[in-house]
Amino acid sequence: MKIDVEFNGQEEKTEVTFFLDELKTERDFVVALSIIETFSADFGLDPELEPEELVEIGKQAGEKGGSSFVVEMSEEGIEVDINR
């Protein structure tokens, strides 16, 4: 699975971009969730997400014409941007 990871030291955040064409099976979403959990742990966060919720996020991104969605993690919490 190809992803894009961006660390921003100044803002102390990590952004992980998941490309919809890389997320084809349920297993892909399980792996994506594991990636999110790994980076979230750096900030002491628990994403409290299920693979099914990531599937829904992917569907919403596709419906809005996007080719990816971004999960941003920082001390402030976790945000998902589906408008990319």
N, C-alpha and C. Protein backbone atom coordinates (compact mmCIF):
# COMPACT_ATOMS: atom_id res chain seq x y z
N MET A 1 0.84 -1.17 0.00
CA MET A 1 0.00 0.00 0.00
C MET A 1 0.89 1.24 0.00
N LYS A 2 0.62 2.13 -0.91
CA LYS A 2 1.34 3.39 -0.96
C LYS A 2 0.57 4.43 -0.16
N ILE A 3 1.32 5.13 0.69
CA ILE A 3 0.76 6.23 1.46
C ILE A 3 1.77 7.36 1.41
N ASP A 4 1.33 8.53 1.80
CA ASP A 4 2.23 9.67 1.91
C ASP A 4 2.20 10.12 3.36
N VAL A 5 3.39 10.22 3.97
CA VAL A 5 3.49 10.64 5.36
C VAL A 5 4.28 11.93 5.41
N GLU A 6 3.72 12.91 6.10
CA GLU A 6 4.40 14.20 6.25
C GLU A 6 4.49 14.54 7.73
N PHE A 7 5.72 14.72 8.19
CA PHE A 7 5.96 15.15 9.57
C PHE A 7 6.22 16.65 9.55
N ASN A 8 5.51 17.38 10.37
CA ASN A 8 5.70 18.81 10.48
C ASN A 8 6.20 19.11 11.89
N GLY A 9 7.52 19.28 12.02
CA GLY A 9 8.12 19.50 13.32
C GLY A 9 7.74 20.82 13.94
N GLN A 10 7.56 21.85 13.12
CA GLN A 10 7.19 23.16 13.66
C GLN A 10 5.80 23.12 14.31
N GLU A 11 4.87 22.50 13.63
CA GLU A 11 3.50 22.44 14.13
C GLU A 11 3.25 21.19 14.97
N GLU A 12 4.26 20.34 15.07
CA GLU A 12 4.17 19.09 15.81
C GLU A 12 2.94 18.29 15.42
N LYS A 13 2.89 17.93 14.15
CA LYS A 13 1.80 17.11 13.65
C LYS A 13 2.30 16.16 12.58
N THR A 14 1.53 15.13 12.35
CA THR A 14 1.81 14.15 11.30
C THR A 14 0.57 14.03 10.44
N GLU A 15 0.76 14.07 9.14
CA GLU A 15 -0.34 13.86 8.20
C GLU A 15 -0.05 12.61 7.38
N VAL A 16 -1.05 11.73 7.32
CA VAL A 16 -0.92 10.52 6.51
C VAL A 16 -2.01 10.58 5.44
N THR A 17 -1.57 10.51 4.18
CA THR A 17 -2.51 10.52 3.06
C THR A 17 -2.72 9.10 2.58
N PHE A 18 -3.98 8.70 2.50
CA PHE A 18 -4.35 7.38 1.99
C PHE A 18 -5.02 7.59 0.63
N PHE A 19 -4.52 6.89 -0.37
CA PHE A 19 -5.03 7.01 -1.74
C PHE A 19 -6.11 5.96 -1.97
N LEU A 20 -7.26 6.41 -2.46
CA LEU A 20 -8.41 5.53 -2.62
C LEU A 20 -8.13 4.34 -3.52
N ASP A 21 -7.31 4.54 -4.54
CA ASP A 21 -7.03 3.42 -5.44
C ASP A 21 -6.15 2.35 -4.79
N GLU A 22 -5.60 2.62 -3.62
CA GLU A 22 -4.81 1.66 -2.87
C GLU A 22 -5.65 0.89 -1.84
N LEU A 23 -6.86 1.36 -1.61
CA LEU A 23 -7.74 0.76 -0.61
C LEU A 23 -8.84 -0.03 -1.31
N LYS A 24 -8.56 -1.29 -1.57
CA LYS A 24 -9.48 -2.10 -2.36
C LYS A 24 -10.20 -3.17 -1.54
N THR A 25 -9.54 -3.71 -0.53
CA THR A 25 -10.11 -4.81 0.24
C THR A 25 -10.28 -4.41 1.70
N GLU A 26 -11.04 -5.21 2.42
CA GLU A 26 -11.21 -4.96 3.84
C GLU A 26 -9.86 -5.00 4.55
N ARG A 27 -8.99 -5.88 4.13
CA ARG A 27 -7.65 -5.99 4.73
C ARG A 27 -6.88 -4.68 4.55
N ASP A 28 -7.04 -4.02 3.41
CA ASP A 28 -6.37 -2.73 3.18
C ASP A 28 -6.79 -1.70 4.23
N PHE A 29 -8.07 -1.71 4.59
CA PHE A 29 -8.55 -0.76 5.58
C PHE A 29 -8.07 -1.12 6.98
N VAL A 30 -7.90 -2.41 7.25
CA VAL A 30 -7.34 -2.85 8.53
C VAL A 30 -5.89 -2.37 8.64
N VAL A 31 -5.14 -2.51 7.56
CA VAL A 31 -3.75 -2.04 7.54
C VAL A 31 -3.72 -0.52 7.70
N ALA A 32 -4.61 0.19 7.02
CA ALA A 32 -4.67 1.65 7.14
C ALA A 32 -4.93 2.06 8.58
N LEU A 33 -5.84 1.36 9.24
CA LEU A 33 -6.13 1.65 10.64
C LEU A 33 -4.90 1.40 11.52
N SER A 34 -4.17 0.35 11.24
CA SER A 34 -2.94 0.06 11.99
C SER A 34 -1.92 1.18 11.83
N ILE A 35 -1.83 1.72 10.63
CA ILE A 35 -0.92 2.84 10.37
C ILE A 35 -1.35 4.06 11.18
N ILE A 36 -2.64 4.34 11.18
CA ILE A 36 -3.16 5.48 11.94
C ILE A 36 -2.89 5.28 13.43
N GLU A 37 -3.12 4.08 13.92
CA GLU A 37 -2.88 3.81 15.35
C GLU A 37 -1.41 3.99 15.71
N THR A 38 -0.52 3.58 14.82
CA THR A 38 0.91 3.70 15.08
C THR A 38 1.33 5.16 15.21
N PHE A 39 0.92 5.99 14.26
CA PHE A 39 1.29 7.41 14.33
C PHE A 39 0.55 8.13 15.46
N SER A 40 -0.67 7.72 15.75
CA SER A 40 -1.43 8.33 16.84
C SER A 40 -0.75 8.10 18.18
N ALA A 41 -0.13 6.96 18.34
CA ALA A 41 0.54 6.64 19.60
C ALA A 41 1.66 7.63 19.91
N ASP A 42 2.26 8.22 18.87
CA ASP A 42 3.31 9.23 19.09
C ASP A 42 2.77 10.42 19.87
N PHE A 43 1.47 10.65 19.78
CA PHE A 43 0.85 11.79 20.45
C PHE A 43 -0.01 11.34 21.64
N GLY A 44 0.07 10.07 21.98
CA GLY A 44 -0.73 9.55 23.09
C GLY A 44 -2.21 9.50 22.79
N LEU A 45 -2.56 9.33 21.52
CA LEU A 45 -3.96 9.34 21.09
C LEU A 45 -4.46 7.93 20.78
N ASP A 46 -5.73 7.71 20.99
CA ASP A 46 -6.40 6.48 20.59
C ASP A 46 -7.44 6.87 19.55
N PRO A 47 -7.24 6.45 18.29
CA PRO A 47 -8.15 6.90 17.23
C PRO A 47 -9.59 6.44 17.39
N GLU A 48 -9.84 5.40 18.15
CA GLU A 48 -11.20 4.90 18.36
C GLU A 48 -11.97 4.76 17.06
N LEU A 49 -11.31 4.21 16.06
CA LEU A 49 -11.91 3.96 14.75
C LEU A 49 -12.00 2.46 14.50
N GLU A 50 -12.93 2.10 13.67
CA GLU A 50 -13.07 0.72 13.20
C GLU A 50 -12.82 0.72 11.70
N PRO A 51 -12.37 -0.40 11.14
CA PRO A 51 -12.15 -0.46 9.69
C PRO A 51 -13.37 -0.03 8.88
N GLU A 52 -14.57 -0.37 9.38
CA GLU A 52 -15.79 0.00 8.67
C GLU A 52 -15.95 1.52 8.57
N GLU A 53 -15.50 2.22 9.59
CA GLU A 53 -15.57 3.68 9.56
C GLU A 53 -14.61 4.25 8.53
N LEU A 54 -13.45 3.62 8.38
CA LEU A 54 -12.52 4.06 7.33
C LEU A 54 -13.09 3.79 5.95
N VAL A 55 -13.80 2.67 5.80
CA VAL A 55 -14.46 2.38 4.52
C VAL A 55 -15.43 3.51 4.19
N GLU A 56 -16.20 3.94 5.18
CA GLU A 56 -17.17 5.02 4.98
C GLU A 56 -16.46 6.33 4.62
N ILE A 57 -15.36 6.62 5.28
CA ILE A 57 -14.58 7.82 4.97
C ILE A 57 -14.10 7.76 3.52
N GLY A 58 -13.61 6.59 3.10
CA GLY A 58 -13.17 6.42 1.72
C GLY A 58 -14.31 6.63 0.73
N LYS A 59 -15.49 6.11 1.05
CA LYS A 59 -16.65 6.30 0.18
C LYS A 59 -17.01 7.77 0.06
N GLN A 60 -17.00 8.47 1.19
CA GLN A 60 -17.33 9.90 1.17
C GLN A 60 -16.33 10.68 0.33
N ALA A 61 -15.05 10.34 0.47
CA ALA A 61 -14.02 11.02 -0.32
C ALA A 61 -14.26 10.79 -1.81
N GLY A 62 -14.57 9.55 -2.18
CA GLY A 62 -14.84 9.23 -3.59
C GLY A 62 -16.07 9.94 -4.11
N GLU A 63 -17.11 10.01 -3.30
CA GLU A 63 -18.33 10.69 -3.70
C GLU A 63 -18.11 12.18 -3.93
N LYS A 64 -17.16 12.75 -3.20
CA LYS A 64 -16.85 14.17 -3.36
C LYS A 64 -15.82 14.41 -4.45
N GLY A 65 -15.49 13.36 -5.19
CA GLY A 65 -14.56 13.49 -6.30
C GLY A 65 -13.10 13.45 -5.91
N GLY A 66 -12.82 13.09 -4.67
CA GLY A 66 -11.43 13.04 -4.22
C GLY A 66 -10.76 11.74 -4.61
N SER A 67 -9.45 11.76 -4.57
CA SER A 67 -8.68 10.56 -4.85
C SER A 67 -7.96 10.06 -3.60
N SER A 68 -8.14 10.79 -2.49
CA SER A 68 -7.47 10.42 -1.25
C SER A 68 -8.18 11.08 -0.07
N PHE A 69 -7.77 10.66 1.12
CA PHE A 69 -8.16 11.37 2.33
C PHE A 69 -6.95 11.44 3.23
N VAL A 70 -6.93 12.45 4.08
CA VAL A 70 -5.77 12.73 4.92
C VAL A 70 -6.18 12.63 6.39
N VAL A 71 -5.37 11.92 7.15
CA VAL A 71 -5.56 11.84 8.59
C VAL A 71 -4.45 12.64 9.24
N GLU A 72 -4.83 13.68 9.98
CA GLU A 72 -3.86 14.55 10.64
C GLU A 72 -3.89 14.26 12.14
N MET A 73 -2.70 14.02 12.70
CA MET A 73 -2.59 13.72 14.12
C MET A 73 -1.65 14.72 14.78
N SER A 74 -2.07 15.23 15.94
CA SER A 74 -1.26 16.17 16.70
C SER A 74 -1.68 16.07 18.16
N GLU A 75 -1.05 16.87 18.99
CA GLU A 75 -1.42 16.90 20.41
C GLU A 75 -2.88 17.33 20.58
N GLU A 76 -3.40 18.04 19.59
CA GLU A 76 -4.79 18.52 19.65
C GLU A 76 -5.80 17.42 19.38
N GLY A 77 -5.39 16.33 18.72
CA GLY A 77 -6.29 15.24 18.39
C GLY A 77 -6.09 14.74 16.98
N ILE A 78 -7.11 14.09 16.47
CA ILE A 78 -7.07 13.48 15.14
C ILE A 78 -8.16 14.13 14.30
N GLU A 79 -7.80 14.51 13.09
CA GLU A 79 -8.76 15.08 12.14
C GLU A 79 -8.62 14.36 10.81
N VAL A 80 -9.75 14.22 10.13
CA VAL A 80 -9.75 13.59 8.80
C VAL A 80 -10.25 14.62 7.80
N ASP A 81 -9.49 14.78 6.71
CA ASP A 81 -9.87 15.69 5.64
C ASP A 81 -10.18 14.84 4.41
N ILE A 82 -11.45 14.85 4.01
CA ILE A 82 -11.85 14.05 2.85
C ILE A 82 -11.99 14.88 1.59
N ASN A 83 -11.61 16.12 1.65
CA ASN A 83 -11.78 17.03 0.51
C ASN A 83 -10.51 17.20 -0.30
N ARG A 84 -9.67 16.20 -0.37
CA ARG A 84 -8.42 16.36 -1.11
C ARG A 84 -8.44 15.57 -2.38
